């Protein structure tokens, strides 16, 4: 694989990651506004379809789910945030271990 190909793949993965993050945040907004601010069905569909790039069928099903239960959609964001926090912590820990190893090996 060439360097150009790996950059394209990395860019596509990054775009997918941010799309899922955007949806996760929008899901939380959707659920909270539906339950506490009397958001209309049309406003909810507009948020999902026009602002977070979801397909109409997906948005309709999500709206029905949000109307049946409360607090399900925000849990996706909470889980995502927790996972990102653990990942950042593990990344810092791995960097520290590599740094210690490199310091040790260069001295001896």
C-alpha atoms as a PDB file:
ATOM      1  CA  UNK A   1       0.000   0.000   0.000  1.00  0.00           C
ATOM      2  CA  UNK A   2       1.355   3.386  -0.930  1.00  0.00           C
ATOM      3  CA  UNK A   3       1.543   6.335   1.424  1.00  0.00           C
ATOM      4  CA  UNK A   4      -1.227   8.025  -0.545  1.00  0.00           C
ATOM      5  CA  UNK A   5      -3.524   5.003  -0.089  1.00  0.00           C
ATOM      6  CA  UNK A   6      -2.915   4.869   3.657  1.00  0.00           C
ATOM      7  CA  UNK A   7      -3.724   8.590   3.963  1.00  0.00           C
ATOM      8  CA  UNK A   8      -6.993   8.046   2.088  1.00  0.00           C
ATOM      9  CA  UNK A   9      -7.952   5.178   4.376  1.00  0.00           C
ATOM     10  CA  UNK A  10      -7.026   7.176   7.461  1.00  0.00           C
ATOM     11  CA  UNK A  11      -9.089  10.112   6.199  1.00  0.00           C
ATOM     12  CA  UNK A  12     -12.113   7.903   5.513  1.00  0.00           C
ATOM     13  CA  UNK A  13     -11.880   6.326   8.969  1.00  0.00           C
ATOM     14  CA  UNK A  14     -11.572   9.741  10.568  1.00  0.00           C
ATOM     15  CA  UNK A  15     -14.629  10.970   8.669  1.00  0.00           C
ATOM     16  CA  UNK A  16     -16.619   7.917   9.793  1.00  0.00           C
ATOM     17  CA  UNK A  17     -15.529   8.488  13.382  1.00  0.00           C
ATOM     18  CA  UNK A  18     -16.671  12.118  13.342  1.00  0.00           C
ATOM     19  CA  UNK A  19     -19.962  11.194  11.666  1.00  0.00           C
ATOM     20  CA  UNK A  20     -20.687   8.718  14.477  1.00  0.00           C
ATOM     21  CA  UNK A  21     -19.695  11.293  17.100  1.00  0.00           C
ATOM     22  CA  UNK A  22     -22.035  13.848  15.518  1.00  0.00           C
ATOM     23  CA  UNK A  23     -24.880  11.332  15.541  1.00  0.00           C
ATOM     24  CA  UNK A  24     -24.194  10.392  19.131  1.00  0.00           C
ATOM     25  CA  UNK A  25     -24.394  14.018  20.241  1.00  0.00           C
ATOM     26  CA  UNK A  26     -27.500  14.626  18.125  1.00  0.00           C
ATOM     27  CA  UNK A  27     -29.162  11.556  19.651  1.00  0.00           C
ATOM     28  CA  UNK A  28     -28.700  13.044  23.105  1.00  0.00           C
ATOM     29  CA  UNK A  29     -30.077  16.398  21.987  1.00  0.00           C
ATOM     30  CA  UNK A  30     -32.996  14.661  20.302  1.00  0.00           C
ATOM     31  CA  UNK A  31     -33.955  12.618  23.350  1.00  0.00           C
ATOM     32  CA  UNK A  32     -33.672  15.518  25.789  1.00  0.00           C
ATOM     33  CA  UNK A  33     -35.650  17.896  23.591  1.00  0.00           C
ATOM     34  CA  UNK A  34     -38.350  15.302  22.914  1.00  0.00           C
ATOM     35  CA  UNK A  35     -38.777  14.528  26.595  1.00  0.00           C
ATOM     36  CA  UNK A  36     -38.457  18.016  28.083  1.00  0.00           C
ATOM     37  CA  UNK A  37     -38.956  20.681  25.404  1.00  0.00           C
ATOM     38  CA  UNK A  38     -41.858  19.321  23.335  1.00  0.00           C
ATOM     39  CA  UNK A  39     -39.825  18.934  20.153  1.00  0.00           C
ATOM     40  CA  UNK A  40     -42.103  18.128  17.221  1.00  0.00           C
ATOM     41  CA  UNK A  41     -41.675  15.072  15.045  1.00  0.00           C
ATOM     42  CA  UNK A  42     -40.763  17.268  12.082  1.00  0.00           C
ATOM     43  CA  UNK A  43     -38.080  19.115  14.077  1.00  0.00           C
ATOM     44  CA  UNK A  44     -36.647  15.787  15.204  1.00  0.00           C
ATOM     45  CA  UNK A  45     -36.561  14.424  11.656  1.00  0.00           C
ATOM     46  CA  UNK A  46     -34.994  17.645  10.360  1.00  0.00           C
ATOM     47  CA  UNK A  47     -32.262  17.398  12.999  1.00  0.00           C
ATOM     48  CA  UNK A  48     -31.451  13.818  12.112  1.00  0.00           C
ATOM     49  CA  UNK A  49     -31.779  13.987   8.330  1.00  0.00           C
ATOM     50  CA  UNK A  50     -30.544  17.491   7.511  1.00  0.00           C
ATOM     51  CA  UNK A  51     -28.047  18.132  10.299  1.00  0.00           C
ATOM     52  CA  UNK A  52     -26.579  14.704  11.039  1.00  0.00           C
ATOM     53  CA  UNK A  53     -26.858  13.029   7.618  1.00  0.00           C
ATOM     54  CA  UNK A  54     -29.061  10.101   8.620  1.00  0.00           C
ATOM     55  CA  UNK A  55     -31.285   8.259   6.187  1.00  0.00           C
ATOM     56  CA  UNK A  56     -35.021   8.918   6.464  1.00  0.00           C
ATOM     57  CA  UNK A  57     -35.798   5.314   7.466  1.00  0.00           C
ATOM     58  CA  UNK A  58     -33.128   5.341  10.155  1.00  0.00           C
ATOM     59  CA  UNK A  59     -34.337   8.689  11.480  1.00  0.00           C
ATOM     60  CA  UNK A  60     -37.971   7.573  11.559  1.00  0.00           C
ATOM     61  CA  UNK A  61     -37.113   4.410  13.498  1.00  0.00           C
ATOM     62  CA  UNK A  62     -34.944   6.371  15.926  1.00  0.00           C
ATOM     63  CA  UNK A  63     -37.751   8.891  16.487  1.00  0.00           C
ATOM     64  CA  UNK A  64     -40.184   6.074  17.307  1.00  0.00           C
ATOM     65  CA  UNK A  65     -37.688   4.552  19.728  1.00  0.00           C
ATOM     66  CA  UNK A  66     -37.097   7.907  21.415  1.00  0.00           C
ATOM     67  CA  UNK A  67     -40.830   8.427  21.837  1.00  0.00           C
ATOM     68  CA  UNK A  68     -41.284   5.016  23.473  1.00  0.00           C
ATOM     69  CA  UNK A  69     -38.457   5.245  25.995  1.00  0.00           C
ATOM     70  CA  UNK A  70     -36.486   8.039  27.563  1.00  0.00           C
ATOM     71  CA  UNK A  71     -32.750   8.119  28.170  1.00  0.00           C
ATOM     72  CA  UNK A  72     -31.851   5.340  25.730  1.00  0.00           C
ATOM     73  CA  UNK A  73     -30.287   7.569  23.089  1.00  0.00           C
ATOM     74  CA  UNK A  74     -28.084   9.635  25.468  1.00  0.00           C
ATOM     75  CA  UNK A  75     -26.502   6.433  26.768  1.00  0.00           C
ATOM     76  CA  UNK A  76     -24.764   6.028  23.415  1.00  0.00           C
ATOM     77  CA  UNK A  77     -23.023   9.357  23.949  1.00  0.00           C
ATOM     78  CA  UNK A  78     -22.117   8.509  27.540  1.00  0.00           C
ATOM     79  CA  UNK A  79     -20.667   5.174  26.417  1.00  0.00           C
ATOM     80  CA  UNK A  80     -18.779   6.853  23.578  1.00  0.00           C
ATOM     81  CA  UNK A  81     -17.340   9.474  25.929  1.00  0.00           C
ATOM     82  CA  UNK A  82     -16.272   6.837  28.463  1.00  0.00           C
ATOM     83  CA  UNK A  83     -14.626   4.755  25.743  1.00  0.00           C
ATOM     84  CA  UNK A  84     -12.782   7.797  24.406  1.00  0.00           C
ATOM     85  CA  UNK A  85     -11.596   8.621  27.928  1.00  0.00           C
ATOM     86  CA  UNK A  86     -10.260   5.108  28.467  1.00  0.00           C
ATOM     87  CA  UNK A  87      -8.587   5.183  25.063  1.00  0.00           C
ATOM     88  CA  UNK A  88      -6.867   8.501  25.845  1.00  0.00           C
ATOM     89  CA  UNK A  89      -5.707   7.184  29.213  1.00  0.00           C
ATOM     90  CA  UNK A  90      -4.316   4.011  27.620  1.00  0.00           C
ATOM     91  CA  UNK A  91      -2.578   6.024  24.905  1.00  0.00           C
ATOM     92  CA  UNK A  92      -0.865   8.250  27.493  1.00  0.00           C
ATOM     93  CA  UNK A  93       0.131   5.174  29.483  1.00  0.00           C
ATOM     94  CA  UNK A  94       1.576   3.468  26.404  1.00  0.00           C
ATOM     95  CA  UNK A  95       3.548   6.611  25.511  1.00  0.00           C
ATOM     96  CA  UNK A  96       4.975   6.754  29.032  1.00  0.00           C
ATOM     97  CA  UNK A  97       6.033   3.076  28.852  1.00  0.00           C
ATOM     98  CA  UNK A  98       7.717   3.618  25.475  1.00  0.00           C
ATOM     99  CA  UNK A  99       9.477   6.707  26.814  1.00  0.00           C
ATOM    100  CA  UNK A 100      10.772   4.805  29.855  1.00  0.00           C
ATOM    101  CA  UNK A 101      11.937   1.951  27.627  1.00  0.00           C
ATOM    102  CA  UNK A 102      13.703   4.298  25.216  1.00  0.00           C
ATOM    103  CA  UNK A 103      15.388   6.166  28.073  1.00  0.00           C
ATOM    104  CA  UNK A 104      16.571   2.891  29.586  1.00  0.00           C
ATOM    105  CA  UNK A 105      17.866   1.414  26.324  1.00  0.00           C
ATOM    106  CA  UNK A 106      19.721   4.557  25.259  1.00  0.00           C
ATOM    107  CA  UNK A 107      21.547   4.767  28.581  1.00  0.00           C
ATOM    108  CA  UNK A 108      22.805   1.167  28.512  1.00  0.00           C
END
